[in-house]
Amino acid sequence: MYDLHNKKFKGLDNTDNGEVSEDTIFHYRQKDNIVWATYEGGDIIFGTLSGRLDRDTIAFNYQHRNIFEEFMTGRCITTITKKGGKLFLNENWQWTCGDHTNGKSILQEIDDEEEESI
């Protein structure tokens, strides 16, 4: 099982119908197999997510307020991989509001120095 506690991630790639960008920073926390995070940046004013980790997969729900003053909600299945010493979160998500479309995102682990340069 992966340890995501106090890890930070940024958006690396997203489908066109998503709101996460390279300016979006996620701060993850974890207790046993419960995972939660806050996120903000780019088109997202502030968001939260929470879910359950099972080996290398997280199933979670998310919600955020965007710059258009919309409250957006969704669900996601995330697979964790590790490349070059960094964790990557490969996400398959679906809006549970609006048009209910699906999308894919990739988040990349960053350190504090990388966050300051964003």
PDB file of N, CA and C in Angstrom:
ATOM      1  N   MET A   1       0.847  -1.183   0.000  1.00  0.00           N
ATOM      2  CA  MET A   1       0.000   0.000   0.000  1.00  0.00           C
ATOM      3  C   MET A   1       0.892   1.245   0.000  1.00  0.00           C
ATOM      4  N   TYR A   2       0.492   2.235  -0.731  1.00  0.00           N
ATOM      5  CA  TYR A   2       1.237   3.491  -0.838  1.00  0.00           C
ATOM      6  C   TYR A   2       0.943   4.404   0.347  1.00  0.00           C
ATOM      7  N   ASP A   3       1.925   5.248   0.669  1.00  0.00           N
ATOM      8  CA  ASP A   3       1.755   6.270   1.693  1.00  0.00           C
ATOM      9  C   ASP A   3       1.646   7.622   0.998  1.00  0.00           C
ATOM     10  N   LEU A   4       0.473   8.236   1.046  1.00  0.00           N
ATOM     11  CA  LEU A   4       0.235   9.523   0.391  1.00  0.00           C
ATOM     12  C   LEU A   4       0.224  10.684   1.372  1.00  0.00           C
ATOM     13  N   HIS A   5       0.447  10.403   2.662  1.00  0.00           N
ATOM     14  CA  HIS A   5       0.319  11.436   3.685  1.00  0.00           C
ATOM     15  C   HIS A   5       1.317  12.582   3.465  1.00  0.00           C
ATOM     16  N   ASN A   6       0.783  13.792   3.411  1.00  0.00           N
ATOM     17  CA  ASN A   6       1.536  15.036   3.206  1.00  0.00           C
ATOM     18  C   ASN A   6       2.234  15.130   1.854  1.00  0.00           C
ATOM     19  N   LYS A   7       1.807  14.333   0.894  1.00  0.00           N
ATOM     20  CA  LYS A   7       2.352  14.436  -0.462  1.00  0.00           C
ATOM     21  C   LYS A   7       1.554  15.487  -1.230  1.00  0.00           C
ATOM     22  N   LYS A   8       2.253  16.175  -2.138  1.00  0.00           N
ATOM     23  CA  LYS A   8       1.610  17.177  -2.991  1.00  0.00           C
ATOM     24  C   LYS A   8       1.738  16.751  -4.443  1.00  0.00           C
ATOM     25  N   PHE A   9       0.697  17.069  -5.200  1.00  0.00           N
ATOM     26  CA  PHE A   9       0.630  16.713  -6.610  1.00  0.00           C
ATOM     27  C   PHE A   9       0.151  17.916  -7.408  1.00  0.00           C
ATOM     28  N   LYS A  10       0.535  17.953  -8.687  1.00  0.00           N
ATOM     29  CA  LYS A  10       0.015  18.981  -9.599  1.00  0.00           C
ATOM     30  C   LYS A  10      -0.561  18.288 -10.816  1.00  0.00           C
ATOM     31  N   GLY A  11      -1.490  18.980 -11.465  1.00  0.00           N
ATOM     32  CA  GLY A  11      -2.064  18.457 -12.691  1.00  0.00           C
ATOM     33  C   GLY A  11      -1.016  18.385 -13.779  1.00  0.00           C
ATOM     34  N   LEU A  12      -0.926  17.237 -14.440  1.00  0.00           N
ATOM     35  CA  LEU A  12       0.021  17.054 -15.536  1.00  0.00           C
ATOM     36  C   LEU A  12      -0.705  16.972 -16.871  1.00  0.00           C
ATOM     37  N   ASP A  13      -1.884  16.344 -16.873  1.00  0.00           N
ATOM     38  CA  ASP A  13      -2.657  16.175 -18.102  1.00  0.00           C
ATOM     39  C   ASP A  13      -4.120  16.000 -17.717  1.00  0.00           C
ATOM     40  N   ASN A  14      -5.025  16.471 -18.583  1.00  0.00           N
ATOM     41  CA  ASN A  14      -6.455  16.354 -18.313  1.00  0.00           C
ATOM     42  C   ASN A  14      -7.212  16.422 -19.634  1.00  0.00           C
ATOM     43  N   THR A  15      -8.355  15.739 -19.676  1.00  0.00           N
ATOM     44  CA  THR A  15      -9.202  15.844 -20.848  1.00  0.00           C
ATOM     45  C   THR A  15      -9.868  17.229 -20.863  1.00  0.00           C
ATOM     46  N   ASP A  16     -10.350  17.633 -22.024  1.00  0.00           N
ATOM     47  CA  ASP A  16     -10.875  18.994 -22.218  1.00  0.00           C
ATOM     48  C   ASP A  16     -12.054  19.336 -21.320  1.00  0.00           C
ATOM     49  N   ASN A  17     -12.830  18.346 -20.897  1.00  0.00           N
ATOM     50  CA  ASN A  17     -14.006  18.618 -20.075  1.00  0.00           C
ATOM     51  C   ASN A  17     -13.682  18.704 -18.576  1.00  0.00           C
ATOM     52  N   GLY A  18     -12.401  18.626 -18.214  1.00  0.00           N
ATOM     53  CA  GLY A  18     -11.982  18.723 -16.817  1.00  0.00           C
ATOM     54  C   GLY A  18     -11.560  20.140 -16.460  1.00  0.00           C
ATOM     55  N   GLU A  19     -11.407  20.395 -15.155  1.00  0.00           N
ATOM     56  CA  GLU A  19     -11.034  21.729 -14.681  1.00  0.00           C
ATOM     57  C   GLU A  19      -9.662  21.766 -14.022  1.00  0.00           C
ATOM     58  N   VAL A  20      -9.056  20.618 -13.777  1.00  0.00           N
ATOM     59  CA  VAL A  20      -7.711  20.559 -13.198  1.00  0.00           C
ATOM     60  C   VAL A  20      -6.700  20.927 -14.273  1.00  0.00           C
ATOM     61  N   SER A  21      -5.702  21.750 -13.888  1.00  0.00           N
ATOM     62  CA  SER A  21      -4.641  22.149 -14.820  1.00  0.00           C
ATOM     63  C   SER A  21      -3.296  22.023 -14.118  1.00  0.00           C
ATOM     64  N   GLU A  22      -2.230  22.412 -14.806  1.00  0.00           N
ATOM     65  CA  GLU A  22      -0.892  22.380 -14.200  1.00  0.00           C
ATOM     66  C   GLU A  22      -0.757  23.398 -13.072  1.00  0.00           C
ATOM     67  N   ASP A  23      -1.708  24.302 -12.951  1.00  0.00           N
ATOM     68  CA  ASP A  23      -1.727  25.279 -11.857  1.00  0.00           C
ATOM     69  C   ASP A  23      -2.504  24.783 -10.635  1.00  0.00           C
ATOM     70  N   THR A  24      -3.080  23.595 -10.727  1.00  0.00           N
ATOM     71  CA  THR A  24      -3.847  23.030  -9.620  1.00  0.00           C
ATOM     72  C   THR A  24      -2.934  22.181  -8.744  1.00  0.00           C
ATOM     73  N   ILE A  25      -2.913  22.500  -7.438  1.00  0.00           N
ATOM     74  CA  ILE A  25      -2.088  21.768  -6.476  1.00  0.00           C
ATOM     75  C   ILE A  25      -2.995  21.020  -5.507  1.00  0.00           C
ATOM     76  N   PHE A  26      -2.689  19.741  -5.319  1.00  0.00           N
ATOM     77  CA  PHE A  26      -3.403  18.867  -4.395  1.00  0.00           C
ATOM     78  C   PHE A  26      -2.500  18.574  -3.205  1.00  0.00           C
ATOM     79  N   HIS A  27      -3.031  18.660  -1.991  1.00  0.00           N
ATOM     80  CA  HIS A  27      -2.300  18.295  -0.779  1.00  0.00           C
ATOM     81  C   HIS A  27      -3.020  17.112  -0.142  1.00  0.00           C
ATOM     82  N   TYR A  28      -2.395  15.937  -0.243  1.00  0.00           N
ATOM     83  CA  TYR A  28      -3.003  14.700   0.233  1.00  0.00           C
ATOM     84  C   TYR A  28      -2.651  14.422   1.690  1.00  0.00           C
ATOM     85  N   ARG A  29      -3.576  13.749   2.366  1.00  0.00           N
ATOM     86  CA  ARG A  29      -3.373  13.241   3.712  1.00  0.00           C
ATOM     87  C   ARG A  29      -3.914  11.820   3.747  1.00  0.00           C
ATOM     88  N   GLN A  30      -3.438  11.057   4.724  1.00  0.00           N
ATOM     89  CA  GLN A  30      -3.851   9.657   4.794  1.00  0.00           C
ATOM     90  C   GLN A  30      -3.787   9.162   6.235  1.00  0.00           C
ATOM     91  N   LYS A  31      -4.767   8.368   6.603  1.00  0.00           N
ATOM     92  CA  LYS A  31      -4.771   7.640   7.868  1.00  0.00           C
ATOM     93  C   LYS A  31      -5.238   6.231   7.549  1.00  0.00           C
ATOM     94  N   ASP A  32      -4.334   5.269   7.699  1.00  0.00           N
ATOM     95  CA  ASP A  32      -4.597   3.888   7.305  1.00  0.00           C
ATOM     96  C   ASP A  32      -4.998   3.878   5.829  1.00  0.00           C
ATOM     97  N   ASN A  33      -6.199   3.381   5.497  1.00  0.00           N
ATOM     98  CA  ASN A  33      -6.588   3.341   4.083  1.00  0.00           C
ATOM     99  C   ASN A  33      -7.552   4.474   3.698  1.00  0.00           C
ATOM    100  N   ILE A  34      -7.756   5.433   4.603  1.00  0.00           N
ATOM    101  CA  ILE A  34      -8.596   6.596   4.297  1.00  0.00           C
ATOM    102  C   ILE A  34      -7.695   7.713   3.761  1.00  0.00           C
ATOM    103  N   VAL A  35      -8.069   8.254   2.610  1.00  0.00           N
ATOM    104  CA  VAL A  35      -7.280   9.290   1.936  1.00  0.00           C
ATOM    105  C   VAL A  35      -8.175  10.503   1.714  1.00  0.00           C
ATOM    106  N   TRP A  36      -7.630  11.697   1.974  1.00  0.00           N
ATOM    107  CA  TRP A  36      -8.350  12.928   1.681  1.00  0.00           C
ATOM    108  C   TRP A  36      -7.362  13.984   1.221  1.00  0.00           C
ATOM    109  N   ALA A  37      -7.880  15.002   0.543  1.00  0.00           N
ATOM    110  CA  ALA A  37      -7.012  16.062   0.029  1.00  0.00           C
ATOM    111  C   ALA A  37      -7.803  17.353  -0.117  1.00  0.00           C
ATOM    112  N   THR A  38      -7.058  18.440  -0.115  1.00  0.00           N
ATOM    113  CA  THR A  38      -7.580  19.735  -0.526  1.00  0.00           C
ATOM    114  C   THR A  38      -6.854  20.111  -1.806  1.00  0.00           C
ATOM    115  N   TYR A  39      -7.496  20.922  -2.638  1.00  0.00           N
ATOM    116  CA  TYR A  39      -6.854  21.333  -3.884  1.00  0.00           C
ATOM    117  C   TYR A  39      -7.367  22.690  -4.308  1.00  0.00           C
ATOM    118  N   GLU A  40      -6.487  23.416  -5.024  1.00  0.00           N
ATOM    119  CA  GLU A  40      -6.839  24.741  -5.527  1.00  0.00           C
ATOM    120  C   GLU A  40      -5.834  25.151  -6.588  1.00  0.00           C
ATOM    121  N   GLY A  41      -6.232  26.156  -7.369  1.00  0.00           N
ATOM    122  CA  GLY A  41      -5.354  26.705  -8.400  1.00  0.00           C
ATOM    123  C   GLY A  41      -5.953  26.578  -9.783  1.00  0.00           C
ATOM    124  N   GLY A  42      -5.531  27.462 -10.666  1.00  0.00           N
ATOM    125  CA  GLY A  42      -6.096  27.475 -12.011  1.00  0.00           C
ATOM    126  C   GLY A  42      -7.555  27.888 -11.950  1.00  0.00           C
ATOM    127  N   ASP A  43      -8.426  27.089 -12.549  1.00  0.00           N
ATOM    128  CA  ASP A  43      -9.862  27.380 -12.563  1.00  0.00           C
ATOM    129  C   ASP A  43     -10.575  26.968 -11.278  1.00  0.00           C
ATOM    130  N   ILE A  44      -9.835  26.391 -10.322  1.00  0.00           N
ATOM    131  CA  ILE A  44     -10.449  25.886  -9.094  1.00  0.00           C
ATOM    132  C   ILE A  44     -10.096  26.792  -7.922  1.00  0.00           C
ATOM    133  N   ILE A  45     -11.132  27.361  -7.288  1.00  0.00           N
ATOM    134  CA  ILE A  45     -10.924  28.219  -6.121  1.00  0.00           C
ATOM    135  C   ILE A  45     -10.537  27.365  -4.919  1.00  0.00           C
ATOM    136  N   PHE A  46     -11.310  26.321  -4.635  1.00  0.00           N
ATOM    137  CA  PHE A  46     -11.007  25.416  -3.531  1.00  0.00           C
ATOM    138  C   PHE A  46     -11.808  24.147  -3.697  1.00  0.00           C
ATOM    139  N   GLY A  47     -11.168  22.995  -3.382  1.00  0.00           N
ATOM    140  CA  GLY A  47     -11.855  21.718  -3.470  1.00  0.00           C
ATOM    141  C   GLY A  47     -11.386  20.744  -2.420  1.00  0.00           C
ATOM    142  N   THR A  48     -12.194  19.702  -2.213  1.00  0.00           N
ATOM    143  CA  THR A  48     -11.849  18.612  -1.307  1.00  0.00           C
ATOM    144  C   THR A  48     -12.191  17.286  -1.973  1.00  0.00           C
ATOM    145  N   LEU A  49     -11.493  16.251  -1.552  1.00  0.00           N
ATOM    146  CA  LEU A  49     -11.815  14.909  -1.988  1.00  0.00           C
ATOM    147  C   LEU A  49     -11.576  13.973  -0.815  1.00  0.00           C
ATOM    148  N   SER A  50     -12.272  12.859  -0.816  1.00  0.00           N
ATOM    149  CA  SER A  50     -12.031  11.836   0.192  1.00  0.00           C
ATOM    150  C   SER A  50     -12.377  10.480  -0.402  1.00  0.00           C
ATOM    151  N   GLY A  51     -11.652   9.474   0.081  1.00  0.00           N
ATOM    152  CA  GLY A  51     -11.889   8.147  -0.440  1.00  0.00           C
ATOM    153  C   GLY A  51     -11.130   7.084   0.310  1.00  0.00           C
ATOM    154  N   ARG A  52     -11.055   5.917  -0.315  1.00  0.00           N
ATOM    155  CA  ARG A  52     -10.453   4.750   0.308  1.00  0.00           C
ATOM    156  C   ARG A  52      -9.388   4.167  -0.607  1.00  0.00           C
ATOM    157  N   LEU A  53      -8.238   3.888  -0.028  1.00  0.00           N
ATOM    158  CA  LEU A  53      -7.116   3.295  -0.751  1.00  0.00           C
ATOM    159  C   LEU A  53      -7.151   1.786  -0.592  1.00  0.00           C
ATOM    160  N   ASP A  54      -7.037   1.068  -1.702  1.00  0.00           N
ATOM    161  CA  ASP A  54      -6.954  -0.390  -1.700  1.00  0.00           C
ATOM    162  C   ASP A  54      -5.776  -0.777  -2.585  1.00  0.00           C
ATOM    163  N   ARG A  55      -4.661  -1.104  -1.979  1.00  0.00           N
ATOM    164  CA  ARG A  55      -3.383  -1.416  -2.643  1.00  0.00           C
ATOM    165  C   ARG A  55      -2.890  -0.224  -3.460  1.00  0.00           C
ATOM    166  N   ASP A  56      -3.138  -0.223  -4.775  1.00  0.00           N
ATOM    167  CA  ASP A  56      -2.659   0.873  -5.625  1.00  0.00           C
ATOM    168  C   ASP A  56      -3.805   1.662  -6.250  1.00  0.00           C
ATOM    169  N   THR A  57      -5.016   1.530  -5.683  1.00  0.00           N
ATOM    170  CA  THR A  57      -6.193   2.181  -6.251  1.00  0.00           C
ATOM    171  C   THR A  57      -6.944   2.962  -5.167  1.00  0.00           C
ATOM    172  N   ILE A  58      -7.366   4.173  -5.536  1.00  0.00           N
ATOM    173  CA  ILE A  58      -8.183   4.988  -4.647  1.00  0.00           C
ATOM    174  C   ILE A  58      -9.538   5.202  -5.324  1.00  0.00           C
ATOM    175  N   ALA A  59     -10.605   4.953  -4.593  1.00  0.00           N
ATOM    176  CA  ALA A  59     -11.953   5.299  -5.048  1.00  0.00           C
ATOM    177  C   ALA A  59     -12.389   6.477  -4.194  1.00  0.00           C
ATOM    178  N   PHE A  60     -12.689   7.613  -4.844  1.00  0.00           N
ATOM    179  CA  PHE A  60     -13.069   8.780  -4.057  1.00  0.00           C
ATOM    180  C   PHE A  60     -14.130   9.632  -4.734  1.00  0.00           C
ATOM    181  N   ASN A  61     -14.695  10.523  -3.920  1.00  0.00           N
ATOM    182  CA  ASN A  61     -15.630  11.551  -4.378  1.00  0.00           C
ATOM    183  C   ASN A  61     -14.959  12.897  -4.196  1.00  0.00           C
ATOM    184  N   TYR A  62     -15.276  13.833  -5.071  1.00  0.00           N
ATOM    185  CA  TYR A  62     -14.675  15.162  -4.972  1.00  0.00           C
ATOM    186  C   TYR A  62     -15.726  16.240  -5.180  1.00  0.00           C
ATOM    187  N   GLN A  63     -15.371  17.437  -4.707  1.00  0.00           N
ATOM    188  CA  GLN A  63     -16.229  18.610  -4.887  1.00  0.00           C
ATOM    189  C   GLN A  63     -15.350  19.843  -4.864  1.00  0.00           C
ATOM    190  N   HIS A  64     -15.686  20.805  -5.704  1.00  0.00           N
ATOM    191  CA  HIS A  64     -14.945  22.070  -5.683  1.00  0.00           C
ATOM    192  C   HIS A  64     -15.800  23.216  -6.211  1.00  0.00           C
ATOM    193  N   ARG A  65     -15.334  24.407  -5.887  1.00  0.00           N
ATOM    194  CA  ARG A  65     -15.933  25.651  -6.395  1.00  0.00           C
ATOM    195  C   ARG A  65     -14.964  26.186  -7.445  1.00  0.00           C
ATOM    196  N   ASN A  66     -15.476  26.504  -8.637  1.00  0.00           N
ATOM    197  CA  ASN A  66     -14.597  26.999  -9.693  1.00  0.00           C
ATOM    198  C   ASN A  66     -14.691  28.524  -9.828  1.00  0.00           C
ATOM    199  N   ILE A  67     -13.886  29.085 -10.722  1.00  0.00           N
ATOM    200  CA  ILE A  67     -13.833  30.537 -10.895  1.00  0.00           C
ATOM    201  C   ILE A  67     -15.104  31.097 -11.517  1.00  0.00           C
ATOM    202  N   PHE A  68     -15.973  30.228 -12.018  1.00  0.00           N
ATOM    203  CA  PHE A  68     -17.248  30.647 -12.592  1.00  0.00           C
ATOM    204  C   PHE A  68     -18.356  30.617 -11.532  1.00  0.00           C
ATOM    205  N   GLU A  69     -17.967  30.439 -10.262  1.00  0.00           N
ATOM    206  CA  GLU A  69     -18.892  30.383  -9.120  1.00  0.00           C
ATOM    207  C   GLU A  69     -19.819  29.166  -9.179  1.00  0.00           C
ATOM    208  N   GLU A  70     -19.371  28.108  -9.856  1.00  0.00           N
ATOM    209  CA  GLU A  70     -20.129  26.862  -9.923  1.00  0.00           C
ATOM    210  C   GLU A  70     -19.576  25.892  -8.885  1.00  0.00           C
ATOM    211  N   PHE A  71     -20.446  25.129  -8.268  1.00  0.00           N
ATOM    212  CA  PHE A  71     -20.068  24.076  -7.342  1.00  0.00           C
ATOM    213  C   PHE A  71     -20.104  22.771  -8.111  1.00  0.00           C
ATOM    214  N   MET A  72     -18.952  22.140  -8.307  1.00  0.00           N
ATOM    215  CA  MET A  72     -18.839  20.949  -9.139  1.00  0.00           C
ATOM    216  C   MET A  72     -18.588  19.725  -8.264  1.00  0.00           C
ATOM    217  N   THR A  73     -19.176  18.589  -8.640  1.00  0.00           N
ATOM    218  CA  THR A  73     -19.010  17.345  -7.893  1.00  0.00           C
ATOM    219  C   THR A  73     -18.709  16.202  -8.853  1.00  0.00           C
ATOM    220  N   GLY A  74     -18.047  15.178  -8.319  1.00  0.00           N
ATOM    221  CA  GLY A  74     -17.744  14.025  -9.146  1.00  0.00           C
ATOM    222  C   GLY A  74     -17.216  12.859  -8.341  1.00  0.00           C
ATOM    223  N   ARG A  75     -16.918  11.803  -9.066  1.00  0.00           N
ATOM    224  CA  ARG A  75     -16.312  10.613  -8.468  1.00  0.00           C
ATOM    225  C   ARG A  75     -15.168  10.155  -9.351  1.00  0.00           C
ATOM    226  N   CYS A  76     -14.258   9.389  -8.757  1.00  0.00           N
ATOM    227  CA  CYS A  76     -13.038   9.052  -9.473  1.00  0.00           C
ATOM    228  C   CYS A  76     -12.471   7.720  -8.992  1.00  0.00           C
ATOM    229  N   ILE A  77     -11.865   6.994  -9.916  1.00  0.00           N
ATOM    230  CA  ILE A  77     -11.052   5.818  -9.590  1.00  0.00           C
ATOM    231  C   ILE A  77      -9.630   6.163 -10.040  1.00  0.00           C
ATOM    232  N   THR A  78      -8.700   6.136  -9.096  1.00  0.00           N
ATOM    233  CA  THR A  78      -7.318   6.536  -9.348  1.00  0.00           C
ATOM    234  C   THR A  78      -6.391   5.353  -9.146  1.00  0.00           C
ATOM    235  N   THR A  79      -5.497   5.142 -10.103  1.00  0.00           N
ATOM    236  CA  THR A  79      -4.455   4.126  -9.988  1.00  0.00           C
ATOM    237  C   THR A  79      -3.122   4.830  -9.751  1.00  0.00           C
ATOM    238  N   ILE A  80      -2.391   4.374  -8.744  1.00  0.00           N
ATOM    239  CA  ILE A  80      -1.104   4.968  -8.382  1.00  0.00           C
ATOM    240  C   ILE A  80       0.016   4.199  -9.061  1.00  0.00           C
ATOM    241  N   THR A  81       0.939   4.934  -9.689  1.00  0.00           N
ATOM    242  CA  THR A  81       2.142   4.327 -10.259  1.00  0.00           C
ATOM    243  C   THR A  81       3.345   5.129  -9.785  1.00  0.00           C
ATOM    244  N   LYS A  82       4.512   4.539  -9.919  1.00  0.00           N
ATOM    245  CA  LYS A  82       5.746   5.223  -9.527  1.00  0.00           C
ATOM    246  C   LYS A  82       6.735   5.142 -10.678  1.00  0.00           C
ATOM    247  N   LYS A  83       7.270   6.317 -11.065  1.00  0.00           N
ATOM    248  CA  LYS A  83       8.261   6.400 -12.141  1.00  0.00           C
ATOM    249  C   LYS A  83       9.339   7.390 -11.732  1.00  0.00           C
ATOM    250  N   GLY A  84      10.591   6.999 -11.852  1.00  0.00           N
ATOM    251  CA  GLY A  84      11.692   7.911 -11.553  1.00  0.00           C
ATOM    252  C   GLY A  84      11.647   8.465 -10.135  1.00  0.00           C
ATOM    253  N   GLY A  85      11.173   7.679  -9.182  1.00  0.00           N
ATOM    254  CA  GLY A  85      11.116   8.116  -7.793  1.00  0.00           C
ATOM    255  C   GLY A  85       9.920   8.987  -7.438  1.00  0.00           C
ATOM    256  N   LYS A  86       9.059   9.293  -8.410  1.00  0.00           N
ATOM    257  CA  LYS A  86       7.868  10.129  -8.164  1.00  0.00           C
ATOM    258  C   LYS A  86       6.606   9.303  -8.356  1.00  0.00           C
ATOM    259  N   LEU A  87       5.591   9.664  -7.566  1.00  0.00           N
ATOM    260  CA  LEU A  87       4.289   9.026  -7.710  1.00  0.00           C
ATOM    261  C   LEU A  87       3.457   9.757  -8.756  1.00  0.00           C
ATOM    262  N   PHE A  88       2.655   9.000  -9.492  1.00  0.00           N
ATOM    263  CA  PHE A  88       1.713   9.536 -10.463  1.00  0.00           C
ATOM    264  C   PHE A  88       0.344   8.973 -10.145  1.00  0.00           C
ATOM    265  N   LEU A  89      -0.673   9.823 -10.226  1.00  0.00           N
ATOM    266  CA  LEU A  89      -2.048   9.414 -10.002  1.00  0.00           C
ATOM    267  C   LEU A  89      -2.774   9.449 -11.339  1.00  0.00           C
ATOM    268  N   ASN A  90      -3.156   8.287 -11.837  1.00  0.00           N
ATOM    269  CA  ASN A  90      -3.831   8.141 -13.125  1.00  0.00           C
ATOM    270  C   ASN A  90      -5.321   8.007 -12.845  1.00  0.00           C
ATOM    271  N   GLU A  91      -6.075   9.059 -13.188  1.00  0.00           N
ATOM    272  CA  GLU A  91      -7.462   9.185 -12.749  1.00  0.00           C
ATOM    273  C   GLU A  91      -8.452   8.968 -13.884  1.00  0.00           C
ATOM    274  N   ASN A  92      -9.469   8.190 -13.593  1.00  0.00           N
ATOM    275  CA  ASN A  92     -10.647   8.039 -14.455  1.00  0.00           C
ATOM    276  C   ASN A  92     -11.815   8.590 -13.656  1.00  0.00           C
ATOM    277  N   TRP A  93     -12.369   9.712 -14.098  1.00  0.00           N
ATOM    278  CA  TRP A  93     -13.367  10.419 -13.300  1.00  0.00           C
ATOM    279  C   TRP A  93     -14.653  10.659 -14.090  1.00  0.00           C
ATOM    280  N   GLN A  94     -15.694  11.030 -13.330  1.00  0.00           N
ATOM    281  CA  GLN A  94     -16.980  11.389 -13.940  1.00  0.00           C
ATOM    282  C   GLN A  94     -17.620  12.487 -13.096  1.00  0.00           C
ATOM    283  N   TRP A  95     -18.110  13.513 -13.780  1.00  0.00           N
ATOM    284  CA  TRP A  95     -18.886  14.537 -13.100  1.00  0.00           C
ATOM    285  C   TRP A  95     -20.179  13.907 -12.605  1.00  0.00           C
ATOM    286  N   THR A  96     -20.621  14.283 -11.393  1.00  0.00           N
ATOM    287  CA  THR A  96     -21.932  13.856 -10.894  1.00  0.00           C
ATOM    288  C   THR A  96     -22.895  15.043 -10.906  1.00  0.00           C
ATOM    289  N   CYS A  97     -22.536  16.065 -11.654  1.00  0.00           N
ATOM    290  CA  CYS A  97     -23.358  17.255 -11.858  1.00  0.00           C
ATOM    291  C   CYS A  97     -23.185  17.671 -13.319  1.00  0.00           C
ATOM    292  N   GLY A  98     -23.900  18.703 -13.710  1.00  0.00           N
ATOM    293  CA  GLY A  98     -23.740  19.209 -15.080  1.00  0.00           C
ATOM    294  C   GLY A  98     -24.029  18.149 -16.126  1.00  0.00           C
ATOM    295  N   ASP A  99     -23.072  17.949 -17.025  1.00  0.00           N
ATOM    296  CA  ASP A  99     -23.297  17.029 -18.147  1.00  0.00           C
ATOM    297  C   ASP A  99     -22.965  15.566 -17.841  1.00  0.00           C
ATOM    298  N   HIS A 100     -22.455  15.264 -16.674  1.00  0.00           N
ATOM    299  CA  HIS A 100     -22.141  13.898 -16.224  1.00  0.00           C
ATOM    300  C   HIS A 100     -21.140  13.185 -17.145  1.00  0.00           C
ATOM    301  N   THR A 101     -20.293  13.941 -17.838  1.00  0.00           N
ATOM    302  CA  THR A 101     -19.314  13.330 -18.736  1.00  0.00           C
ATOM    303  C   THR A 101     -18.160  12.713 -17.949  1.00  0.00           C
ATOM    304  N   ASN A 102     -17.410  11.874 -18.639  1.00  0.00           N
ATOM    305  CA  ASN A 102     -16.233  11.199 -18.089  1.00  0.00           C
ATOM    306  C   ASN A 102     -14.972  11.898 -18.576  1.00  0.00           C
ATOM    307  N   GLY A 103     -13.872  11.661 -17.874  1.00  0.00           N
ATOM    308  CA  GLY A 103     -12.592  12.177 -18.313  1.00  0.00           C
ATOM    309  C   GLY A 103     -11.448  11.429 -17.674  1.00  0.00           C
ATOM    310  N   LYS A 104     -10.239  11.814 -18.077  1.00  0.00           N
ATOM    311  CA  LYS A 104      -9.017  11.223 -17.540  1.00  0.00           C
ATOM    312  C   LYS A 104      -8.049  12.336 -17.198  1.00  0.00           C
ATOM    313  N   SER A 105      -7.372  12.165 -16.073  1.00  0.00           N
ATOM    314  CA  SER A 105      -6.360  13.121 -15.629  1.00  0.00           C
ATOM    315  C   SER A 105      -5.139  12.366 -15.142  1.00  0.00           C
ATOM    316  N   ILE A 106      -4.009  13.054 -15.161  1.00  0.00           N
ATOM    317  CA  ILE A 106      -2.788  12.532 -14.551  1.00  0.00           C
ATOM    318  C   ILE A 106      -2.252  13.611 -13.627  1.00  0.00           C
ATOM    319  N   LEU A 107      -1.971  13.226 -12.373  1.00  0.00           N
ATOM    320  CA  LEU A 107      -1.337  14.113 -11.410  1.00  0.00           C
ATOM    321  C   LEU A 107       0.064  13.599 -11.139  1.00  0.00           C
ATOM    322  N   GLN A 108       1.011  14.525 -10.955  1.00  0.00           N
ATOM    323  CA  GLN A 108       2.401  14.176 -10.697  1.00  0.00           C
ATOM    324  C   GLN A 108       2.817  14.701  -9.332  1.00  0.00           C
ATOM    325  N   GLU A 109       3.503  13.862  -8.561  1.00  0.00           N
ATOM    326  CA  GLU A 109       4.012  14.268  -7.259  1.00  0.00           C
ATOM    327  C   GLU A 109       5.025  15.399  -7.422  1.00  0.00           C
ATOM    328  N   ILE A 110       4.955  16.389  -6.540  1.00  0.00           N
ATOM    329  CA  ILE A 110       5.906  17.500  -6.550  1.00  0.00           C
ATOM    330  C   ILE A 110       6.447  17.703  -5.139  1.00  0.00           C
ATOM    331  N   ASP A 111       7.582  18.373  -5.053  1.00  0.00           N
ATOM    332  CA  ASP A 111       8.110  18.729  -3.746  1.00  0.00           C
ATOM    333  C   ASP A 111       7.876  20.220  -3.529  1.00  0.00           C
ATOM    334  N   ASP A 112       8.263  20.724  -2.353  1.00  0.00           N
ATOM    335  CA  ASP A 112       7.990  22.122  -2.003  1.00  0.00           C
ATOM    336  C   ASP A 112       8.640  23.102  -2.975  1.00  0.00           C
ATOM    337  N   GLU A 113       9.850  22.804  -3.449  1.00  0.00           N
ATOM    338  CA  GLU A 113      10.536  23.706  -4.392  1.00  0.00           C
ATOM    339  C   GLU A 113       9.767  23.784  -5.711  1.00  0.00           C
ATOM    340  N   GLU A 114       9.266  22.647  -6.188  1.00  0.00           N
ATOM    341  CA  GLU A 114       8.496  22.642  -7.429  1.00  0.00           C
ATOM    342  C   GLU A 114       7.187  23.401  -7.258  1.00  0.00           C
ATOM    343  N   GLU A 115       6.576  23.306  -6.078  1.00  0.00           N
ATOM    344  CA  GLU A 115       5.330  24.019  -5.827  1.00  0.00           C
ATOM    345  C   GLU A 115       5.559  25.527  -5.856  1.00  0.00           C
ATOM    346  N   GLU A 116       6.671  25.988  -5.292  1.00  0.00           N
ATOM    347  CA  GLU A 116       6.952  27.428  -5.269  1.00  0.00           C
ATOM    348  C   GLU A 116       7.144  28.001  -6.664  1.00  0.00           C
ATOM    349  N   SER A 117       7.581  27.162  -7.623  1.00  0.00           N
ATOM    350  CA  SER A 117       7.820  27.667  -8.973  1.00  0.00           C
ATOM    351  C   SER A 117       6.558  27.699  -9.823  1.00  0.00           C
ATOM    352  N   ILE A 118       5.456  27.172  -9.296  1.00  0.00           N
ATOM    353  CA  ILE A 118       4.200  27.121 -10.068  1.00  0.00           C
ATOM    354  C   ILE A 118       3.480  28.451  -9.952  1.00  0.00           C
TER     355      ILE A 118
END
